[in-house]
Amino acid sequence: MAKEQLCWACQKACGACSWSSCFQPVEGWTAEKVHRKTYDSYRIEKCPEYVPDKKA
């Protein structure tokens, strides 16, 4: 089973961080580049902009 994406539990996930506003790697990330069916993305394990979602 795939690991949950760190961004899914971040308050900044919908446009308030460098990644979600322009989909470019964030300085200071710990992330692995992954290939999806039609595009490349990243599996992010650590992000300096991460703010835990209060619901998570």
N, C-alpha and C. Protein backbone atom coordinates (compact mmCIF):
# COMPACT_ATOMS: atom_id res chain seq x y z
N MET A 1 0.85 -1.19 0.00
CA MET A 1 0.00 0.00 0.00
C MET A 1 0.89 1.25 0.00
N ALA A 2 0.53 2.24 -0.78
CA ALA A 2 1.32 3.47 -0.88
C ALA A 2 1.19 4.32 0.38
N LYS A 3 2.26 5.03 0.70
CA LYS A 3 2.24 5.93 1.85
C LYS A 3 1.40 7.15 1.53
N GLU A 4 0.73 7.68 2.55
CA GLU A 4 -0.06 8.90 2.38
C GLU A 4 0.86 10.08 2.09
N GLN A 5 0.44 10.93 1.20
CA GLN A 5 1.20 12.14 0.85
C GLN A 5 1.16 13.12 2.01
N LEU A 6 2.30 13.65 2.42
CA LEU A 6 2.40 14.60 3.53
C LEU A 6 1.47 15.79 3.32
N CYS A 7 1.37 16.27 2.10
CA CYS A 7 0.54 17.45 1.80
C CYS A 7 -0.93 17.25 2.17
N TRP A 8 -1.41 16.02 2.13
CA TRP A 8 -2.83 15.76 2.40
C TRP A 8 -3.21 16.10 3.83
N ALA A 9 -2.23 16.25 4.70
CA ALA A 9 -2.51 16.58 6.10
C ALA A 9 -1.92 17.95 6.47
N CYS A 10 -1.76 18.84 5.48
CA CYS A 10 -1.15 20.15 5.70
C CYS A 10 -2.18 21.26 5.50
N GLN A 11 -2.17 22.25 6.39
CA GLN A 11 -3.08 23.39 6.28
C GLN A 11 -2.82 24.22 5.03
N LYS A 12 -1.60 24.19 4.51
CA LYS A 12 -1.23 25.02 3.37
C LYS A 12 -1.45 24.33 2.02
N ALA A 13 -2.08 23.18 2.00
CA ALA A 13 -2.14 22.33 0.82
C ALA A 13 -2.83 22.93 -0.40
N CYS A 14 -3.70 23.86 -0.25
CA CYS A 14 -4.49 24.37 -1.40
C CYS A 14 -4.04 25.76 -1.84
N GLY A 15 -2.77 25.86 -2.25
CA GLY A 15 -2.28 27.10 -2.83
C GLY A 15 -1.50 28.00 -1.90
N ALA A 16 -1.38 27.65 -0.63
CA ALA A 16 -0.69 28.51 0.33
C ALA A 16 0.77 28.13 0.54
N CYS A 17 1.28 27.17 -0.21
CA CYS A 17 2.70 26.82 -0.11
C CYS A 17 3.34 26.88 -1.49
N SER A 18 4.65 26.81 -1.54
CA SER A 18 5.39 26.89 -2.80
C SER A 18 4.98 25.77 -3.76
N TRP A 19 4.80 24.57 -3.26
CA TRP A 19 4.46 23.43 -4.11
C TRP A 19 3.04 23.56 -4.69
N SER A 20 2.06 23.80 -3.85
CA SER A 20 0.68 23.81 -4.35
C SER A 20 0.34 25.07 -5.16
N SER A 21 1.18 26.09 -5.07
CA SER A 21 0.90 27.29 -5.87
C SER A 21 1.53 27.23 -7.26
N CYS A 22 2.62 26.42 -7.44
CA CYS A 22 3.25 26.37 -8.77
C CYS A 22 3.80 25.00 -9.14
N PHE A 23 3.66 24.00 -8.29
CA PHE A 23 4.10 22.62 -8.54
C PHE A 23 5.56 22.49 -8.93
N GLN A 24 6.40 23.24 -8.21
CA GLN A 24 7.85 23.14 -8.35
C GLN A 24 8.41 22.66 -7.01
N PRO A 25 9.50 21.89 -7.01
CA PRO A 25 10.07 21.40 -5.75
C PRO A 25 10.34 22.53 -4.76
N VAL A 26 10.17 22.23 -3.49
CA VAL A 26 10.35 23.19 -2.41
C VAL A 26 11.77 23.04 -1.84
N GLU A 27 12.45 24.17 -1.65
CA GLU A 27 13.79 24.17 -1.05
C GLU A 27 13.71 23.50 0.32
N GLY A 28 14.58 22.51 0.57
CA GLY A 28 14.63 21.85 1.86
C GLY A 28 13.75 20.61 1.97
N TRP A 29 13.10 20.20 0.88
CA TRP A 29 12.29 18.99 0.87
C TRP A 29 13.11 17.73 1.10
N THR A 30 12.46 16.71 1.64
CA THR A 30 12.90 15.34 1.53
C THR A 30 11.79 14.69 0.71
N ALA A 31 12.07 14.43 -0.57
CA ALA A 31 11.03 13.94 -1.48
C ALA A 31 11.64 13.02 -2.52
N GLU A 32 10.80 12.13 -3.02
CA GLU A 32 11.20 11.19 -4.06
C GLU A 32 10.38 11.50 -5.31
N LYS A 33 11.04 11.65 -6.45
CA LYS A 33 10.33 11.88 -7.70
C LYS A 33 9.67 10.57 -8.12
N VAL A 34 8.40 10.63 -8.50
CA VAL A 34 7.65 9.46 -8.93
C VAL A 34 6.97 9.75 -10.26
N HIS A 35 6.77 8.71 -11.04
CA HIS A 35 6.09 8.87 -12.33
C HIS A 35 4.69 8.30 -12.21
N ARG A 36 3.70 9.10 -12.55
CA ARG A 36 2.31 8.66 -12.62
C ARG A 36 2.04 8.27 -14.08
N LYS A 37 0.85 7.86 -14.39
CA LYS A 37 0.53 7.42 -15.76
C LYS A 37 0.86 8.47 -16.82
N THR A 38 0.55 9.73 -16.55
CA THR A 38 0.73 10.77 -17.57
C THR A 38 1.58 11.96 -17.12
N TYR A 39 2.15 11.91 -15.92
CA TYR A 39 2.93 13.05 -15.43
C TYR A 39 3.91 12.60 -14.34
N ASP A 40 4.90 13.43 -14.07
CA ASP A 40 5.82 13.21 -12.96
C ASP A 40 5.36 14.02 -11.76
N SER A 41 5.59 13.49 -10.57
CA SER A 41 5.23 14.19 -9.34
C SER A 41 6.26 13.84 -8.28
N TYR A 42 5.94 14.10 -7.03
CA TYR A 42 6.85 13.82 -5.92
C TYR A 42 6.09 13.19 -4.77
N ARG A 43 6.75 12.27 -4.06
CA ARG A 43 6.25 11.73 -2.81
C ARG A 43 7.05 12.45 -1.72
N ILE A 44 6.40 13.35 -1.02
CA ILE A 44 7.07 14.22 -0.06
C ILE A 44 7.04 13.60 1.33
N GLU A 45 8.22 13.47 1.95
CA GLU A 45 8.32 12.89 3.28
C GLU A 45 8.56 13.94 4.36
N LYS A 46 9.21 15.04 3.97
CA LYS A 46 9.50 16.12 4.91
C LYS A 46 9.50 17.43 4.14
N CYS A 47 8.83 18.45 4.71
CA CYS A 47 8.74 19.74 4.03
C CYS A 47 8.86 20.86 5.05
N PRO A 48 9.72 21.86 4.79
CA PRO A 48 9.89 22.96 5.74
C PRO A 48 8.66 23.87 5.82
N GLU A 49 7.74 23.77 4.86
CA GLU A 49 6.54 24.61 4.88
C GLU A 49 5.33 23.89 5.51
N TYR A 50 5.52 22.64 5.91
CA TYR A 50 4.42 21.82 6.45
C TYR A 50 3.86 22.40 7.75
N VAL A 51 2.52 22.53 7.79
CA VAL A 51 1.79 22.95 9.00
C VAL A 51 0.69 21.91 9.19
N PRO A 52 0.74 21.12 10.27
CA PRO A 52 -0.25 20.05 10.44
C PRO A 52 -1.68 20.58 10.41
N ASP A 53 -2.55 19.88 9.70
CA ASP A 53 -3.96 20.20 9.64
C ASP A 53 -4.57 19.86 11.00
N LYS A 54 -5.39 20.74 11.52
CA LYS A 54 -6.00 20.51 12.83
C LYS A 54 -6.88 19.28 12.85
N LYS A 55 -7.42 18.88 11.68
CA LYS A 55 -8.28 17.71 11.60
C LYS A 55 -7.48 16.41 11.55
N ALA A 56 -6.22 16.46 11.18
CA ALA A 56 -5.41 15.25 11.01
C ALA A 56 -4.97 14.66 12.33
